[in-house]
All heavy atoms as atom14 arrays in JSON, in Angstrom:
{
  "sequence": "IAVSGSGPAYFFYLLEAMVEAGQAEGLDRETATMLAVATCGGAA",
  "atom14_mask": [
    [1, 1, 1, 1, 1, 1, 1, 1, 0, 0, 0, 0, 0, 0],
    [1, 1, 1, 1, 1, 0, 0, 0, 0, 0, 0, 0, 0, 0],
    [1, 1, 1, 1, 1, 1, 1, 0, 0, 0, 0, 0, 0, 0],
    [1, 1, 1, 1, 1, 1, 0, 0, 0, 0, 0, 0, 0, 0],
    [1, 1, 1, 1, 0, 0, 0, 0, 0, 0, 0, 0, 0, 0],
    [1, 1, 1, 1, 1, 1, 0, 0, 0, 0, 0, 0, 0, 0],
    [1, 1, 1, 1, 0, 0, 0, 0, 0, 0, 0, 0, 0, 0],
    [1, 1, 1, 1, 1, 1, 1, 0, 0, 0, 0, 0, 0, 0],
    [1, 1, 1, 1, 1, 0, 0, 0, 0, 0, 0, 0, 0, 0],
    [1, 1, 1, 1, 1, 1, 1, 1, 1, 1, 1, 1, 0, 0],
    [1, 1, 1, 1, 1, 1, 1, 1, 1, 1, 1, 0, 0, 0],
    [1, 1, 1, 1, 1, 1, 1, 1, 1, 1, 1, 0, 0, 0],
    [1, 1, 1, 1, 1, 1, 1, 1, 1, 1, 1, 1, 0, 0],
    [1, 1, 1, 1, 1, 1, 1, 1, 0, 0, 0, 0, 0, 0],
    [1, 1, 1, 1, 1, 1, 1, 1, 0, 0, 0, 0, 0, 0],
    [1, 1, 1, 1, 1, 1, 1, 1, 1, 0, 0, 0, 0, 0],
    [1, 1, 1, 1, 1, 0, 0, 0, 0, 0, 0, 0, 0, 0],
    [1, 1, 1, 1, 1, 1, 1, 1, 0, 0, 0, 0, 0, 0],
    [1, 1, 1, 1, 1, 1, 1, 0, 0, 0, 0, 0, 0, 0],
    [1, 1, 1, 1, 1, 1, 1, 1, 1, 0, 0, 0, 0, 0],
    [1, 1, 1, 1, 1, 0, 0, 0, 0, 0, 0, 0, 0, 0],
    [1, 1, 1, 1, 0, 0, 0, 0, 0, 0, 0, 0, 0, 0],
    [1, 1, 1, 1, 1, 1, 1, 1, 1, 0, 0, 0, 0, 0],
    [1, 1, 1, 1, 1, 0, 0, 0, 0, 0, 0, 0, 0, 0],
    [1, 1, 1, 1, 1, 1, 1, 1, 1, 0, 0, 0, 0, 0],
    [1, 1, 1, 1, 0, 0, 0, 0, 0, 0, 0, 0, 0, 0],
    [1, 1, 1, 1, 1, 1, 1, 1, 0, 0, 0, 0, 0, 0],
    [1, 1, 1, 1, 1, 1, 1, 1, 0, 0, 0, 0, 0, 0],
    [1, 1, 1, 1, 1, 1, 1, 1, 1, 1, 1, 0, 0, 0],
    [1, 1, 1, 1, 1, 1, 1, 1, 1, 0, 0, 0, 0, 0],
    [1, 1, 1, 1, 1, 1, 1, 0, 0, 0, 0, 0, 0, 0],
    [1, 1, 1, 1, 1, 0, 0, 0, 0, 0, 0, 0, 0, 0],
    [1, 1, 1, 1, 1, 1, 1, 0, 0, 0, 0, 0, 0, 0],
    [1, 1, 1, 1, 1, 1, 1, 1, 0, 0, 0, 0, 0, 0],
    [1, 1, 1, 1, 1, 1, 1, 1, 0, 0, 0, 0, 0, 0],
    [1, 1, 1, 1, 1, 0, 0, 0, 0, 0, 0, 0, 0, 0],
    [1, 1, 1, 1, 1, 1, 1, 0, 0, 0, 0, 0, 0, 0],
    [1, 1, 1, 1, 1, 0, 0, 0, 0, 0, 0, 0, 0, 0],
    [1, 1, 1, 1, 1, 1, 1, 0, 0, 0, 0, 0, 0, 0],
    [1, 1, 1, 1, 1, 1, 0, 0, 0, 0, 0, 0, 0, 0],
    [1, 1, 1, 1, 0, 0, 0, 0, 0, 0, 0, 0, 0, 0],
    [1, 1, 1, 1, 0, 0, 0, 0, 0, 0, 0, 0, 0, 0],
    [1, 1, 1, 1, 1, 0, 0, 0, 0, 0, 0, 0, 0, 0],
    [1, 1, 1, 1, 1, 0, 0, 0, 0, 0, 0, 0, 0, 0]
  ],
  "atom14_positions": [
    [[3.69, 19.31, -8.98], [4.61, 18.65, -8.05], [3.84, 18.06, -6.87], [4.11, 16.94, -6.43], [5.69, 19.63, -7.58], [6.63, 19.98, -8.74], [6.49, 19.06, -6.4], [7.61, 21.1, -8.45], [0.0, 0.0, 0.0], [0.0, 0.0, 0.0], [0.0, 0.0, 0.0], [0.0, 0.0, 0.0], [0.0, 0.0, 0.0], [0.0, 0.0, 0.0]],
    [[2.86, 18.82, -6.36], [2.08, 18.35, -5.22], [1.24, 17.13, -5.55], [1.07, 16.24, -4.72], [1.17, 19.48, -4.72], [0.0, 0.0, 0.0], [0.0, 0.0, 0.0], [0.0, 0.0, 0.0], [0.0, 0.0, 0.0], [0.0, 0.0, 0.0], [0.0, 0.0, 0.0], [0.0, 0.0, 0.0], [0.0, 0.0, 0.0], [0.0, 0.0, 0.0]],
    [[0.72, 17.06, -6.78], [-0.16, 15.96, -7.15], [0.6, 14.75, -7.69], [0.43, 13.63, -7.21], [-1.2, 16.44, -8.19], [-2.03, 15.26, -8.69], [-2.11, 17.5, -7.58], [0.0, 0.0, 0.0], [0.0, 0.0, 0.0], [0.0, 0.0, 0.0], [0.0, 0.0, 0.0], [0.0, 0.0, 0.0], [0.0, 0.0, 0.0], [0.0, 0.0, 0.0]],
    [[1.44, 14.98, -8.7], [2.1, 13.83, -9.34], [3.58, 13.73, -9.09], [4.12, 12.63, -8.98], [1.84, 13.86, -10.85], [2.4, 15.03, -11.44], [0.0, 0.0, 0.0], [0.0, 0.0, 0.0], [0.0, 0.0, 0.0], [0.0, 0.0, 0.0], [0.0, 0.0, 0.0], [0.0, 0.0, 0.0], [0.0, 0.0, 0.0], [0.0, 0.0, 0.0]],
    [[4.27, 14.88, -9.0], [5.72, 14.81, -8.78], [6.06, 14.09, -7.49], [6.88, 13.17, -7.46], [0.0, 0.0, 0.0], [0.0, 0.0, 0.0], [0.0, 0.0, 0.0], [0.0, 0.0, 0.0], [0.0, 0.0, 0.0], [0.0, 0.0, 0.0], [0.0, 0.0, 0.0], [0.0, 0.0, 0.0], [0.0, 0.0, 0.0], [0.0, 0.0, 0.0]],
    [[5.42, 14.5, -6.4], [5.62, 13.85, -5.1], [4.59, 12.76, -4.84], [4.69, 12.05, -3.84], [5.55, 14.9, -3.98], [6.58, 15.86, -4.11], [0.0, 0.0, 0.0], [0.0, 0.0, 0.0], [0.0, 0.0, 0.0], [0.0, 0.0, 0.0], [0.0, 0.0, 0.0], [0.0, 0.0, 0.0], [0.0, 0.0, 0.0], [0.0, 0.0, 0.0]],
    [[3.61, 12.67, -5.71], [2.5, 11.74, -5.52], [2.86, 10.3, -5.22], [2.23, 9.66, -4.37], [0.0, 0.0, 0.0], [0.0, 0.0, 0.0], [0.0, 0.0, 0.0], [0.0, 0.0, 0.0], [0.0, 0.0, 0.0], [0.0, 0.0, 0.0], [0.0, 0.0, 0.0], [0.0, 0.0, 0.0], [0.0, 0.0, 0.0], [0.0, 0.0, 0.0]],
    [[3.87, 9.72, -5.91], [4.22, 8.33, -5.6], [4.55, 8.1, -4.13], [4.26, 7.03, -3.58], [5.44, 8.08, -6.5], [5.2, 8.97, -7.67], [4.6, 10.22, -7.09], [0.0, 0.0, 0.0], [0.0, 0.0, 0.0], [0.0, 0.0, 0.0], [0.0, 0.0, 0.0], [0.0, 0.0, 0.0], [0.0, 0.0, 0.0], [0.0, 0.0, 0.0]],
    [[5.13, 9.11, -3.47], [5.46, 8.95, -2.05], [4.19, 8.81, -1.21], [4.15, 8.04, -0.25], [6.28, 10.14, -1.56], [0.0, 0.0, 0.0], [0.0, 0.0, 0.0], [0.0, 0.0, 0.0], [0.0, 0.0, 0.0], [0.0, 0.0, 0.0], [0.0, 0.0, 0.0], [0.0, 0.0, 0.0], [0.0, 0.0, 0.0], [0.0, 0.0, 0.0]],
    [[3.12, 9.55, -1.59], [1.86, 9.42, -0.86], [1.3, 8.01, -1.0], [0.77, 7.43, -0.05], [0.81, 10.41, -1.36], [1.28, 11.82, -1.62], [0.69, 12.59, -2.63], [2.29, 12.41, -0.87], [1.09, 13.88, -2.88], [2.7, 13.72, -1.12], [2.1, 14.44, -2.13], [2.51, 15.73, -2.39], [0.0, 0.0, 0.0], [0.0, 0.0, 0.0]],
    [[1.39, 7.5, -2.22], [0.89, 6.16, -2.48], [1.65, 5.13, -1.64], [1.03, 4.25, -1.02], [1.04, 5.83, -3.97], [0.87, 4.37, -4.28], [-0.39, 3.8, -4.35], [1.97, 3.56, -4.51], [-0.55, 2.45, -4.62], [1.82, 2.21, -4.79], [0.56, 1.65, -4.85], [0.0, 0.0, 0.0], [0.0, 0.0, 0.0], [0.0, 0.0, 0.0]],
    [[2.96, 5.25, -1.61], [3.76, 4.3, -0.83], [3.48, 4.44, 0.66], [3.54, 3.45, 1.4], [5.25, 4.47, -1.14], [5.61, 4.17, -2.58], [6.36, 5.07, -3.32], [5.19, 3.0, -3.18], [6.67, 4.79, -4.64], [5.5, 2.71, -4.5], [6.24, 3.62, -5.24], [0.0, 0.0, 0.0], [0.0, 0.0, 0.0], [0.0, 0.0, 0.0]],
    [[3.16, 5.64, 1.09], [2.81, 5.89, 2.49], [1.52, 5.12, 2.83], [1.42, 4.47, 3.87], [2.61, 7.39, 2.68], [2.48, 7.87, 4.1], [3.59, 8.16, 4.88], [1.22, 8.07, 4.66], [3.46, 8.64, 6.18], [1.08, 8.54, 5.96], [2.2, 8.83, 6.71], [2.07, 9.3, 7.99], [0.0, 0.0, 0.0], [0.0, 0.0, 0.0]],
    [[0.52, 5.23, 1.94], [-0.73, 4.49, 2.13], [-0.47, 2.99, 2.09], [-1.01, 2.22, 2.9], [-1.73, 4.87, 1.04], [-3.02, 4.03, 0.97], [-3.83, 4.18, 2.25], [-3.85, 4.44, -0.25], [0.0, 0.0, 0.0], [0.0, 0.0, 0.0], [0.0, 0.0, 0.0], [0.0, 0.0, 0.0], [0.0, 0.0, 0.0], [0.0, 0.0, 0.0]],
    [[0.37, 2.57, 1.16], [0.69, 1.15, 1.03], [1.33, 0.61, 2.31], [1.02, -0.51, 2.75], [1.64, 0.95, -0.16], [1.73, -0.43, -0.77], [0.38, -0.93, -1.24], [2.71, -0.41, -1.94], [0.0, 0.0, 0.0], [0.0, 0.0, 0.0], [0.0, 0.0, 0.0], [0.0, 0.0, 0.0], [0.0, 0.0, 0.0], [0.0, 0.0, 0.0]],
    [[2.22, 1.4, 2.9], [2.83, 1.0, 4.17], [1.76, 0.74, 5.22], [1.82, -0.25, 5.95], [3.76, 2.1, 4.68], [5.07, 2.26, 3.96], [5.88, 3.41, 4.57], [6.38, 3.24, 5.7], [5.99, 4.47, 3.93], [0.0, 0.0, 0.0], [0.0, 0.0, 0.0], [0.0, 0.0, 0.0], [0.0, 0.0, 0.0], [0.0, 0.0, 0.0]],
    [[0.79, 1.65, 5.3], [-0.27, 1.52, 6.3], [-1.13, 0.28, 6.05], [-1.5, -0.42, 7.0], [-1.14, 2.78, 6.28], [0.0, 0.0, 0.0], [0.0, 0.0, 0.0], [0.0, 0.0, 0.0], [0.0, 0.0, 0.0], [0.0, 0.0, 0.0], [0.0, 0.0, 0.0], [0.0, 0.0, 0.0], [0.0, 0.0, 0.0], [0.0, 0.0, 0.0]],
    [[-1.44, 0.02, 4.79], [-2.26, -1.16, 4.47], [-1.54, -2.45, 4.84], [-2.13, -3.38, 5.4], [-2.61, -1.15, 2.97], [-3.53, -0.02, 2.57], [-3.81, 0.08, 0.77], [-4.81, -1.38, 0.48], [0.0, 0.0, 0.0], [0.0, 0.0, 0.0], [0.0, 0.0, 0.0], [0.0, 0.0, 0.0], [0.0, 0.0, 0.0], [0.0, 0.0, 0.0]],
    [[-0.24, -2.49, 4.55], [0.55, -3.68, 4.88], [0.64, -3.86, 6.4], [0.47, -4.96, 6.92], [1.95, -3.59, 4.25], [2.84, -4.72, 4.76], [1.85, -3.64, 2.73], [0.0, 0.0, 0.0], [0.0, 0.0, 0.0], [0.0, 0.0, 0.0], [0.0, 0.0, 0.0], [0.0, 0.0, 0.0], [0.0, 0.0, 0.0], [0.0, 0.0, 0.0]],
    [[0.89, -2.77, 7.11], [1.0, -2.85, 8.57], [-0.32, -3.3, 9.2], [-0.33, -4.08, 10.15], [1.43, -1.5, 9.14], [2.89, -1.15, 8.84], [3.3, 0.2, 9.39], [2.58, 0.73, 10.28], [4.33, 0.73, 8.95], [0.0, 0.0, 0.0], [0.0, 0.0, 0.0], [0.0, 0.0, 0.0], [0.0, 0.0, 0.0], [0.0, 0.0, 0.0]],
    [[-1.44, -2.8, 8.64], [-2.75, -3.21, 9.15], [-2.98, -4.7, 8.91], [-3.5, -5.42, 9.79], [-3.85, -2.39, 8.49], [0.0, 0.0, 0.0], [0.0, 0.0, 0.0], [0.0, 0.0, 0.0], [0.0, 0.0, 0.0], [0.0, 0.0, 0.0], [0.0, 0.0, 0.0], [0.0, 0.0, 0.0], [0.0, 0.0, 0.0], [0.0, 0.0, 0.0]],
    [[-2.59, -5.16, 7.72], [-2.75, -6.58, 7.41], [-1.94, -7.45, 8.36], [-2.41, -8.5, 8.85], [0.0, 0.0, 0.0], [0.0, 0.0, 0.0], [0.0, 0.0, 0.0], [0.0, 0.0, 0.0], [0.0, 0.0, 0.0], [0.0, 0.0, 0.0], [0.0, 0.0, 0.0], [0.0, 0.0, 0.0], [0.0, 0.0, 0.0], [0.0, 0.0, 0.0]],
    [[-0.74, -7.02, 8.64], [0.11, -7.77, 9.57], [-0.48, -7.76, 10.98], [-0.47, -8.78, 11.68], [1.52, -7.17, 9.59], [2.33, -7.46, 8.35], [3.75, -6.91, 8.45], [3.96, -5.71, 8.27], [4.7, -7.77, 8.76], [0.0, 0.0, 0.0], [0.0, 0.0, 0.0], [0.0, 0.0, 0.0], [0.0, 0.0, 0.0], [0.0, 0.0, 0.0]],
    [[-1.01, -6.6, 11.38], [-1.6, -6.5, 12.71], [-2.8, -7.42, 12.87], [-3.11, -7.88, 13.98], [-2.02, -5.06, 12.99], [0.0, 0.0, 0.0], [0.0, 0.0, 0.0], [0.0, 0.0, 0.0], [0.0, 0.0, 0.0], [0.0, 0.0, 0.0], [0.0, 0.0, 0.0], [0.0, 0.0, 0.0], [0.0, 0.0, 0.0], [0.0, 0.0, 0.0]],
    [[-3.46, -7.72, 11.73], [-4.62, -8.61, 11.76], [-4.25, -10.06, 11.49], [-5.13, -10.91, 11.35], [-5.67, -8.13, 10.76], [-6.34, -6.83, 11.14], [-7.19, -6.96, 12.4], [-7.71, -8.06, 12.66], [-7.31, -5.96, 13.13], [0.0, 0.0, 0.0], [0.0, 0.0, 0.0], [0.0, 0.0, 0.0], [0.0, 0.0, 0.0], [0.0, 0.0, 0.0]],
    [[-2.95, -10.35, 11.38], [-2.51, -11.74, 11.3], [-1.91, -12.2, 9.99], [-1.4, -13.32, 9.9], [0.0, 0.0, 0.0], [0.0, 0.0, 0.0], [0.0, 0.0, 0.0], [0.0, 0.0, 0.0], [0.0, 0.0, 0.0], [0.0, 0.0, 0.0], [0.0, 0.0, 0.0], [0.0, 0.0, 0.0], [0.0, 0.0, 0.0], [0.0, 0.0, 0.0]],
    [[-1.95, -11.36, 8.94], [-1.34, -11.77, 7.67], [0.18, -11.67, 7.76], [0.71, -10.81, 8.47], [-1.81, -10.86, 6.54], [-3.29, -10.93, 6.13], [-3.6, -9.85, 5.1], [-3.63, -12.31, 5.59], [0.0, 0.0, 0.0], [0.0, 0.0, 0.0], [0.0, 0.0, 0.0], [0.0, 0.0, 0.0], [0.0, 0.0, 0.0], [0.0, 0.0, 0.0]],
    [[0.89, -12.56, 7.04], [2.33, -12.39, 6.95], [2.62, -11.22, 6.01], [1.78, -10.82, 5.2], [3.01, -13.67, 6.46], [2.57, -14.08, 5.06], [3.08, -13.5, 4.09], [1.69, -14.95, 4.95], [0.0, 0.0, 0.0], [0.0, 0.0, 0.0], [0.0, 0.0, 0.0], [0.0, 0.0, 0.0], [0.0, 0.0, 0.0], [0.0, 0.0, 0.0]],
    [[3.82, -10.64, 6.13], [4.14, -9.42, 5.38], [4.05, -9.63, 3.87], [3.56, -8.76, 3.14], [5.53, -8.91, 5.76], [5.85, -7.56, 5.13], [7.1, -6.91, 5.71], [7.32, -5.58, 5.16], [6.7, -4.49, 5.57], [5.81, -4.58, 6.55], [6.95, -3.32, 5.02], [0.0, 0.0, 0.0], [0.0, 0.0, 0.0], [0.0, 0.0, 0.0]],
    [[4.52, -10.75, 3.38], [4.51, -11.01, 1.94], [3.09, -11.03, 1.4], [2.79, -10.42, 0.36], [5.21, -12.33, 1.63], [5.28, -12.64, 0.15], [5.99, -13.95, -0.16], [6.45, -14.61, 0.8], [6.09, -14.3, -1.35], [0.0, 0.0, 0.0], [0.0, 0.0, 0.0], [0.0, 0.0, 0.0], [0.0, 0.0, 0.0], [0.0, 0.0, 0.0]],
    [[2.19, -11.72, 2.11], [0.8, -11.81, 1.66], [0.12, -10.44, 1.74], [-0.59, -10.04, 0.82], [0.03, -12.82, 2.52], [0.65, -14.11, 2.38], [-1.43, -12.92, 2.07], [0.0, 0.0, 0.0], [0.0, 0.0, 0.0], [0.0, 0.0, 0.0], [0.0, 0.0, 0.0], [0.0, 0.0, 0.0], [0.0, 0.0, 0.0], [0.0, 0.0, 0.0]],
    [[0.34, -9.73, 2.84], [-0.27, -8.41, 3.0], [0.2, -7.46, 1.91], [-0.59, -6.69, 1.35], [0.08, -7.85, 4.38], [0.0, 0.0, 0.0], [0.0, 0.0, 0.0], [0.0, 0.0, 0.0], [0.0, 0.0, 0.0], [0.0, 0.0, 0.0], [0.0, 0.0, 0.0], [0.0, 0.0, 0.0], [0.0, 0.0, 0.0], [0.0, 0.0, 0.0]],
    [[1.49, -7.52, 1.59], [2.04, -6.64, 0.55], [1.45, -6.99, -0.81], [1.06, -6.1, -1.58], [3.57, -6.76, 0.5], [4.11, -6.39, 1.77], [4.15, -5.86, -0.58], [0.0, 0.0, 0.0], [0.0, 0.0, 0.0], [0.0, 0.0, 0.0], [0.0, 0.0, 0.0], [0.0, 0.0, 0.0], [0.0, 0.0, 0.0], [0.0, 0.0, 0.0]],
    [[1.37, -8.27, -1.12], [0.83, -8.71, -2.41], [-0.62, -8.24, -2.57], [-1.01, -7.71, -3.62], [0.89, -10.23, -2.52], [0.44, -10.77, -3.87], [0.49, -12.59, -3.91], [2.21, -12.88, -3.55], [0.0, 0.0, 0.0], [0.0, 0.0, 0.0], [0.0, 0.0, 0.0], [0.0, 0.0, 0.0], [0.0, 0.0, 0.0], [0.0, 0.0, 0.0]],
    [[-1.43, -8.4, -1.53], [-2.82, -7.99, -1.6], [-2.96, -6.47, -1.72], [-3.77, -5.97, -2.49], [-3.57, -8.48, -0.35], [-3.8, -9.99, -0.26], [-4.35, -10.36, 1.13], [-4.75, -10.46, -1.35], [0.0, 0.0, 0.0], [0.0, 0.0, 0.0], [0.0, 0.0, 0.0], [0.0, 0.0, 0.0], [0.0, 0.0, 0.0], [0.0, 0.0, 0.0]],
    [[-2.16, -5.74, -0.95], [-2.25, -4.28, -0.97], [-1.83, -3.71, -2.32], [-2.49, -2.82, -2.87], [-1.37, -3.7, 0.15], [0.0, 0.0, 0.0], [0.0, 0.0, 0.0], [0.0, 0.0, 0.0], [0.0, 0.0, 0.0], [0.0, 0.0, 0.0], [0.0, 0.0, 0.0], [0.0, 0.0, 0.0], [0.0, 0.0, 0.0], [0.0, 0.0, 0.0]],
    [[-0.73, -4.22, -2.86], [-0.25, -3.73, -4.16], [-1.27, -4.02, -5.26], [-1.59, -3.15, -6.08], [1.12, -4.35, -4.5], [1.51, -4.03, -5.94], [2.19, -3.85, -3.55], [0.0, 0.0, 0.0], [0.0, 0.0, 0.0], [0.0, 0.0, 0.0], [0.0, 0.0, 0.0], [0.0, 0.0, 0.0], [0.0, 0.0, 0.0], [0.0, 0.0, 0.0]],
    [[-1.79, -5.25, -5.28], [-2.76, -5.62, -6.3], [-4.04, -4.8, -6.17], [-4.64, -4.38, -7.17], [-3.08, -7.12, -6.19], [0.0, 0.0, 0.0], [0.0, 0.0, 0.0], [0.0, 0.0, 0.0], [0.0, 0.0, 0.0], [0.0, 0.0, 0.0], [0.0, 0.0, 0.0], [0.0, 0.0, 0.0], [0.0, 0.0, 0.0], [0.0, 0.0, 0.0]],
    [[-4.43, -4.53, -4.95], [-5.65, -3.75, -4.72], [-5.5, -2.31, -5.18], [-6.37, -1.76, -5.86], [-6.01, -3.77, -3.22], [-6.28, -5.12, -2.82], [-7.25, -2.93, -2.94], [0.0, 0.0, 0.0], [0.0, 0.0, 0.0], [0.0, 0.0, 0.0], [0.0, 0.0, 0.0], [0.0, 0.0, 0.0], [0.0, 0.0, 0.0], [0.0, 0.0, 0.0]],
    [[-4.38, -1.68, -4.83], [-4.15, -0.29, -5.25], [-4.02, -0.18, -6.77], [-4.6, 0.71, -7.39], [-2.88, 0.25, -4.57], [-3.08, 0.53, -2.8], [0.0, 0.0, 0.0], [0.0, 0.0, 0.0], [0.0, 0.0, 0.0], [0.0, 0.0, 0.0], [0.0, 0.0, 0.0], [0.0, 0.0, 0.0], [0.0, 0.0, 0.0], [0.0, 0.0, 0.0]],
    [[-3.26, -1.11, -7.35], [-3.11, -1.1, -8.81], [-4.43, -1.34, -9.51], [-4.75, -0.69, -10.52], [0.0, 0.0, 0.0], [0.0, 0.0, 0.0], [0.0, 0.0, 0.0], [0.0, 0.0, 0.0], [0.0, 0.0, 0.0], [0.0, 0.0, 0.0], [0.0, 0.0, 0.0], [0.0, 0.0, 0.0], [0.0, 0.0, 0.0], [0.0, 0.0, 0.0]],
    [[-5.22, -2.27, -8.99], [-6.51, -2.58, -9.6], [-7.49, -1.43, -9.47], [-8.25, -1.13, -10.41], [0.0, 0.0, 0.0], [0.0, 0.0, 0.0], [0.0, 0.0, 0.0], [0.0, 0.0, 0.0], [0.0, 0.0, 0.0], [0.0, 0.0, 0.0], [0.0, 0.0, 0.0], [0.0, 0.0, 0.0], [0.0, 0.0, 0.0], [0.0, 0.0, 0.0]],
    [[-7.48, -0.76, -8.33], [-8.38, 0.37, -8.12], [-8.04, 1.51, -9.08], [-8.93, 2.15, -9.66], [-8.29, 0.84, -6.67], [0.0, 0.0, 0.0], [0.0, 0.0, 0.0], [0.0, 0.0, 0.0], [0.0, 0.0, 0.0], [0.0, 0.0, 0.0], [0.0, 0.0, 0.0], [0.0, 0.0, 0.0], [0.0, 0.0, 0.0], [0.0, 0.0, 0.0]],
    [[-6.75, 1.78, -9.26], [-6.32, 2.83, -10.18], [-6.72, 2.48, -11.62], [-7.19, 3.34, -12.38], [-4.82, 3.04, -10.08], [0.0, 0.0, 0.0], [0.0, 0.0, 0.0], [0.0, 0.0, 0.0], [0.0, 0.0, 0.0], [0.0, 0.0, 0.0], [0.0, 0.0, 0.0], [0.0, 0.0, 0.0], [0.0, 0.0, 0.0], [0.0, 0.0, 0.0]]
  ]
}
């Protein structure tokens, strides 16, 4: 449960941070989200 059952929530938590950081550096939310999602999926 700690690793996989609740795990998707941890991933989305990280994704939120990546998107917020991208926006803080000037990216629009759509672009930041697209890059973050593709990066996490590609890394996995």
